[in-house]
Amino acid sequence: MDNLNILMKGVDTLVTVVGAGFTGLYALHKLRDQMKVPVRVFESAPDVGGTWYWNNYLGARCDIESVHYSYSFDPQLQQEWTWSEKFAAQPEILKYLNHVADRFDLRKDITFNTKGLCCTKI
């Protein structure tokens, strides 16, 4: 048994990720699906999206080309998503993040409506 398996024995979660925005969703996918590490994401909102969930004001949009603002870790994901605008607006970015969460079944490892109050080194 290698060191990681010994460390993980009897542990439901080895890594905690705070937030289910672009970075949190990628971290969950990378850790869980590619590295096989038990991970749990905590998100204060009732759904994925991070900044793009909360900042839904009129005119909110990406300030870099949408294609560069999307994930590149999966060629099939890149092929199945087409941006409608060069600089996507908030609703489309949020729709993309929901698509990613659904496609990789990420929600099952996210606890929504949860805020962290402190972090303690153990």
Protein backbone atom coordinates (compact mmCIF):
# COMPACT_ATOMS: atom_id res chain seq x y z
CA MET A 1 0.00 0.00 0.00
CA ASP A 2 1.50 3.36 -1.01
CA ASN A 3 1.65 6.38 1.31
CA LEU A 4 -1.41 8.10 -0.23
CA ASN A 5 -3.57 4.99 0.23
CA ILE A 6 -2.40 4.65 3.85
CA LEU A 7 -3.18 8.33 4.47
CA MET A 8 -6.62 8.05 2.84
CA LYS A 9 -7.69 4.86 4.64
CA GLY A 10 -10.96 5.64 6.44
CA VAL A 11 -10.96 9.27 5.27
CA ASP A 12 -13.92 10.59 3.29
CA THR A 13 -12.23 13.87 2.33
CA LEU A 14 -8.53 14.52 2.02
CA VAL A 15 -8.74 17.97 0.38
CA THR A 16 -11.19 20.81 0.95
CA VAL A 17 -11.74 23.39 -1.79
CA VAL A 18 -13.43 26.70 -1.01
CA GLY A 19 -15.68 27.98 -3.80
CA ALA A 20 -17.31 26.48 -6.89
CA GLY A 21 -16.25 29.07 -9.44
CA PHE A 22 -13.86 28.44 -12.33
CA THR A 23 -10.92 27.49 -10.10
CA GLY A 24 -12.93 25.43 -7.61
CA LEU A 25 -14.61 23.38 -10.34
CA TYR A 26 -11.27 22.73 -12.02
CA ALA A 27 -9.66 21.76 -8.70
CA LEU A 28 -12.50 19.32 -8.01
CA HIS A 29 -12.21 17.74 -11.44
CA LYS A 30 -8.42 17.52 -11.32
CA LEU A 31 -8.22 16.11 -7.79
CA ARG A 32 -11.19 13.74 -7.94
CA ASP A 33 -11.25 12.55 -11.54
CA GLN A 34 -7.62 12.70 -12.57
CA MET A 35 -5.67 12.24 -9.32
CA LYS A 36 -8.29 10.08 -7.49
CA VAL A 37 -8.03 12.17 -4.31
CA PRO A 38 -11.11 12.45 -2.02
CA VAL A 39 -12.21 16.08 -2.19
CA ARG A 40 -15.13 18.21 -0.99
CA VAL A 41 -15.98 21.70 -2.26
CA PHE A 42 -17.84 24.18 -0.07
CA GLU A 43 -19.74 26.98 -1.81
CA SER A 44 -21.70 29.81 -0.17
CA ALA A 45 -24.10 30.16 -3.12
CA PRO A 46 -26.92 27.72 -3.90
CA ASP A 47 -25.22 26.70 -7.17
CA VAL A 48 -21.95 26.76 -9.10
CA GLY A 49 -20.47 29.83 -10.75
CA GLY A 50 -18.60 31.79 -8.11
CA THR A 51 -18.22 35.38 -9.28
CA TRP A 52 -20.40 34.61 -12.27
CA TYR A 53 -23.23 33.43 -10.01
CA TRP A 54 -23.22 36.55 -7.82
CA ASN A 55 -22.32 39.29 -10.33
CA ASN A 56 -25.42 39.14 -12.49
CA TYR A 57 -25.84 42.87 -13.05
CA LEU A 58 -26.77 44.27 -16.47
CA GLY A 59 -23.72 44.39 -18.74
CA ALA A 60 -21.55 41.94 -16.76
CA ARG A 61 -19.28 40.15 -19.20
CA CYS A 62 -15.84 38.67 -19.74
CA ASP A 63 -13.05 41.12 -20.61
CA ILE A 64 -10.97 38.53 -22.48
CA GLU A 65 -12.03 36.40 -25.42
CA SER A 66 -14.44 33.73 -24.26
CA VAL A 67 -12.49 30.91 -25.86
CA HIS A 68 -9.53 31.79 -23.61
CA TYR A 69 -11.80 31.93 -20.58
CA SER A 70 -12.92 28.31 -20.94
CA TYR A 71 -11.31 25.09 -19.77
CA SER A 72 -8.68 23.48 -21.99
CA PHE A 73 -8.17 20.24 -20.03
CA ASP A 74 -10.67 18.27 -22.14
CA PRO A 75 -10.61 18.52 -25.95
CA GLN A 76 -14.11 17.01 -26.20
CA LEU A 77 -15.49 19.67 -23.85
CA GLN A 78 -13.93 22.35 -26.05
CA GLN A 79 -15.53 20.83 -29.14
CA GLU A 80 -19.03 20.56 -27.66
CA TRP A 81 -19.25 24.18 -26.46
CA THR A 82 -19.55 27.13 -28.84
CA TRP A 83 -19.53 30.66 -27.49
CA SER A 84 -22.15 32.96 -29.02
CA GLU A 85 -20.00 36.10 -28.61
CA LYS A 86 -16.31 36.92 -28.68
CA PHE A 87 -16.64 38.41 -25.17
CA ALA A 88 -19.37 36.41 -23.43
CA ALA A 89 -21.92 37.99 -21.12
CA GLN A 90 -22.54 36.75 -17.57
CA PRO A 91 -25.56 34.54 -18.37
CA GLU A 92 -23.63 32.57 -20.99
CA ILE A 93 -20.57 32.17 -18.75
CA LEU A 94 -22.79 30.88 -15.95
CA LYS A 95 -24.49 28.51 -18.41
CA TYR A 96 -21.04 27.21 -19.42
CA LEU A 97 -20.06 26.56 -15.80
CA ASN A 98 -23.34 24.71 -15.23
CA HIS A 99 -22.65 22.66 -18.35
CA VAL A 100 -19.20 21.72 -17.02
CA ALA A 101 -20.63 20.83 -13.59
CA ASP A 102 -23.24 18.60 -15.24
CA ARG A 103 -20.89 17.01 -17.76
CA PHE A 104 -18.37 15.94 -15.11
CA ASP A 105 -20.99 15.29 -12.38
CA LEU A 106 -19.25 17.76 -10.08
CA ARG A 107 -22.23 18.75 -7.92
CA LYS A 108 -22.20 15.45 -6.03
CA ASP A 109 -19.00 16.58 -4.27
CA ILE A 110 -20.06 20.19 -3.62
CA THR A 111 -21.81 21.34 -0.46
CA PHE A 112 -23.85 24.45 -1.35
CA ASN A 113 -25.18 27.23 0.88
CA THR A 114 -22.20 26.80 3.21
CA LYS A 115 -19.81 29.50 4.43
CA GLY A 116 -16.48 28.83 6.08
CA LEU A 117 -15.97 30.71 9.33
CA CYS A 118 -12.37 29.75 10.00
CA CYS A 119 -9.56 27.51 8.92
CA THR A 120 -7.36 25.64 11.36
CA LYS A 121 -4.11 23.90 10.57
CA ILE A 122 -4.13 20.32 11.84
